[in-house]
Structures are given as C-alpha cells and as structure tokens.
Amino acid sequence: MGGGDSAGRLVRPFALTGGRTRPSRADFTLITTVTAADPQPEAAPRPQPEHTRILRLCAEPVAVAELAARLDLPVSVVVILLCDLLEAGRITARPPHPVTRTTPDLDLLQKVRDGLGRL
C-alpha cells in the first residue's frame, strides 16, 4: 500500500502527497518517460525522501509505470509526486511517441491470403 520509513512504520499514500488526490497536470501516462534534470536548481527546497528516491531512480530515463513498481507505490501517488518535481524543474517528462497508423499493404495481404489458400 505504501512505503515504510527506516523505523518500519507504514506511510500512507495520502501522507506522501500532502493529502492531494489529483495530480496538478494531466499529461503523465503509464508510458511517459521521466528523467532527472541536470543540474539541480540552486534555489530548490530540500525535497522530501520520496522525491529524492524518484530522482535517484530517474538518473536514466524510466517509464512512470516502472517507477511506480520500483517504488512500490500506486501510480496515482507517483504521478502527483512527479508533478511536484516537474513543476520544480527537477525532472523532464517525455510523452510516448505516437503510433502512426498506416494503411495495410493490400498487395502483401493478398499474397499472404493466396499463400494460405494454397496450404
């Protein structure tokens, strides 16, 4: 349900998000790739432990779903934390590449159909 701290106490997800239940942005999907920004802004406030864990895991590009799995937190909680980091300039987020739908190669499909008909 949530991560534990060093004393082993359970930290509830709503405590990690400061009671927020909705992200401030709607552009994070399960396959959005996030990466820690370099360098850290000078005037940045000290991040909470969960933000620090996310930044460590985002040293290399990682998908939101994978990040949530590694943190053992619900995706909704991770997205709220990622919004905080994005707004503070601590991470970059790259949306998934759109899938281009091309019309099927009718000639190829005809050849496959003919080949299957000969079997």
Protein backbone atom coordinates (compact mmCIF):
# COMPACT_ATOMS: atom_id res chain seq x y z
CA MET A 1 0.00 0.00 0.00
CA GLY A 2 2.79 2.47 0.79
CA GLY A 3 6.47 2.60 1.52
CA GLY A 4 7.82 2.29 5.04
CA ASP A 5 10.36 4.55 6.63
CA SER A 6 13.51 3.42 8.41
CA ALA A 7 11.60 2.83 11.65
CA GLY A 8 9.31 0.41 9.82
CA ARG A 9 6.15 2.49 10.24
CA LEU A 10 3.63 2.43 7.43
CA VAL A 11 3.42 5.69 5.48
CA ARG A 12 0.01 6.15 3.92
CA PRO A 13 -0.11 7.34 0.30
CA PHE A 14 -2.15 10.44 1.18
CA ALA A 15 0.61 11.45 3.60
CA LEU A 16 3.17 11.26 0.78
CA THR A 17 1.08 13.59 -1.37
CA GLY A 18 0.14 16.03 1.39
CA GLY A 19 -3.47 14.89 1.16
CA ARG A 20 -3.74 15.59 -2.56
CA THR A 21 -5.67 13.02 -4.56
CA ARG A 22 -5.33 14.50 -8.03
CA PRO A 23 -2.23 15.47 -10.00
CA SER A 24 -1.78 19.12 -10.96
CA ARG A 25 -1.16 18.05 -14.57
CA ALA A 26 -2.88 15.55 -16.82
CA ASP A 27 -0.02 14.79 -19.19
CA PHE A 28 1.53 11.80 -17.38
CA THR A 29 0.61 8.37 -18.72
CA LEU A 30 1.91 4.96 -17.70
CA ILE A 31 4.46 5.07 -20.51
CA THR A 32 5.59 8.69 -20.14
CA THR A 33 9.37 8.67 -19.75
CA VAL A 34 10.82 10.75 -16.93
CA THR A 35 14.45 11.72 -16.37
CA ALA A 36 16.11 13.65 -13.57
CA ALA A 37 17.10 17.13 -14.73
CA ASP A 38 20.70 18.20 -14.53
CA PRO A 39 21.83 20.25 -12.76
CA GLN A 40 19.73 20.71 -9.62
CA PRO A 41 18.34 24.26 -9.32
CA GLU A 42 20.24 26.28 -6.71
CA ALA A 43 17.15 27.69 -5.01
CA ALA A 44 15.35 24.35 -4.85
CA PRO A 45 13.92 23.50 -1.44
CA ARG A 46 15.10 20.28 0.17
CA PRO A 47 12.99 17.50 -1.36
CA GLN A 48 11.09 15.04 0.76
CA PRO A 49 12.51 11.47 0.89
CA GLU A 50 10.12 10.15 -1.77
CA HIS A 51 11.16 12.90 -4.17
CA THR A 52 14.81 12.01 -3.55
CA ARG A 53 14.10 8.33 -4.26
CA ILE A 54 12.36 9.25 -7.51
CA LEU A 55 15.26 11.48 -8.57
CA ARG A 56 17.72 8.66 -7.89
CA LEU A 57 15.68 6.19 -9.93
CA CYS A 58 15.29 8.72 -12.75
CA ALA A 59 19.03 9.17 -13.31
CA GLU A 60 18.35 7.21 -16.50
CA PRO A 61 15.04 7.56 -18.40
CA VAL A 62 12.31 5.44 -16.85
CA ALA A 63 8.58 4.97 -17.56
CA VAL A 64 6.04 6.09 -14.97
CA ALA A 65 4.68 2.53 -14.58
CA GLU A 66 8.15 1.11 -13.96
CA LEU A 67 8.91 3.87 -11.48
CA ALA A 68 5.73 3.11 -9.52
CA ALA A 69 6.63 -0.58 -9.45
CA ARG A 70 10.17 0.13 -8.22
CA LEU A 71 8.84 2.47 -5.52
CA ASP A 72 6.05 0.03 -4.58
CA LEU A 73 3.57 2.92 -4.66
CA PRO A 74 0.28 3.40 -6.50
CA VAL A 75 0.71 5.06 -9.90
CA SER A 76 -1.64 7.87 -8.83
CA VAL A 77 0.66 8.77 -5.93
CA VAL A 78 3.77 8.63 -8.10
CA VAL A 79 2.15 10.92 -10.69
CA ILE A 80 1.37 13.51 -8.01
CA LEU A 81 4.98 13.39 -6.81
CA LEU A 82 6.23 13.61 -10.39
CA CYS A 83 4.08 16.72 -10.95
CA ASP A 84 5.81 18.33 -7.96
CA LEU A 85 9.23 17.51 -9.39
CA LEU A 86 8.32 18.65 -12.90
CA GLU A 87 6.97 21.98 -11.66
CA ALA A 88 10.17 22.47 -9.62
CA GLY A 89 12.30 21.81 -12.70
CA ARG A 90 13.82 18.68 -11.16
CA ILE A 91 12.72 16.23 -13.89
CA THR A 92 11.86 16.23 -17.56
CA ALA A 93 8.94 14.26 -18.95
CA ARG A 94 8.75 12.93 -22.47
CA PRO A 95 5.40 11.70 -23.76
CA PRO A 96 5.30 8.40 -25.63
CA HIS A 97 5.89 8.52 -29.35
CA PRO A 98 2.57 8.49 -31.18
CA VAL A 99 1.86 5.34 -33.09
CA THR A 100 1.36 6.11 -36.74
CA ARG A 101 -1.43 4.16 -38.32
CA THR A 102 -0.62 3.30 -41.87
CA THR A 103 -2.96 1.61 -44.24
CA PRO A 104 -2.14 -2.05 -44.63
CA ASP A 105 -0.16 -3.12 -47.66
CA LEU A 106 -3.01 -4.68 -49.64
CA ASP A 107 -0.62 -6.38 -52.05
CA LEU A 108 1.16 -8.10 -49.17
CA LEU A 109 -2.13 -9.14 -47.58
CA GLN A 110 -3.31 -10.58 -50.89
CA LYS A 111 -0.09 -12.62 -51.21
CA VAL A 112 -0.49 -13.93 -47.66
CA ARG A 113 -4.12 -14.88 -48.34
CA ASP A 114 -3.14 -16.62 -51.60
CA GLY A 115 -0.30 -18.46 -49.83
CA LEU A 116 -2.60 -19.63 -47.07
CA GLY A 117 -5.16 -20.74 -49.64
CA ARG A 118 -2.57 -23.00 -51.26
CA LEU A 119 -1.84 -24.80 -47.97
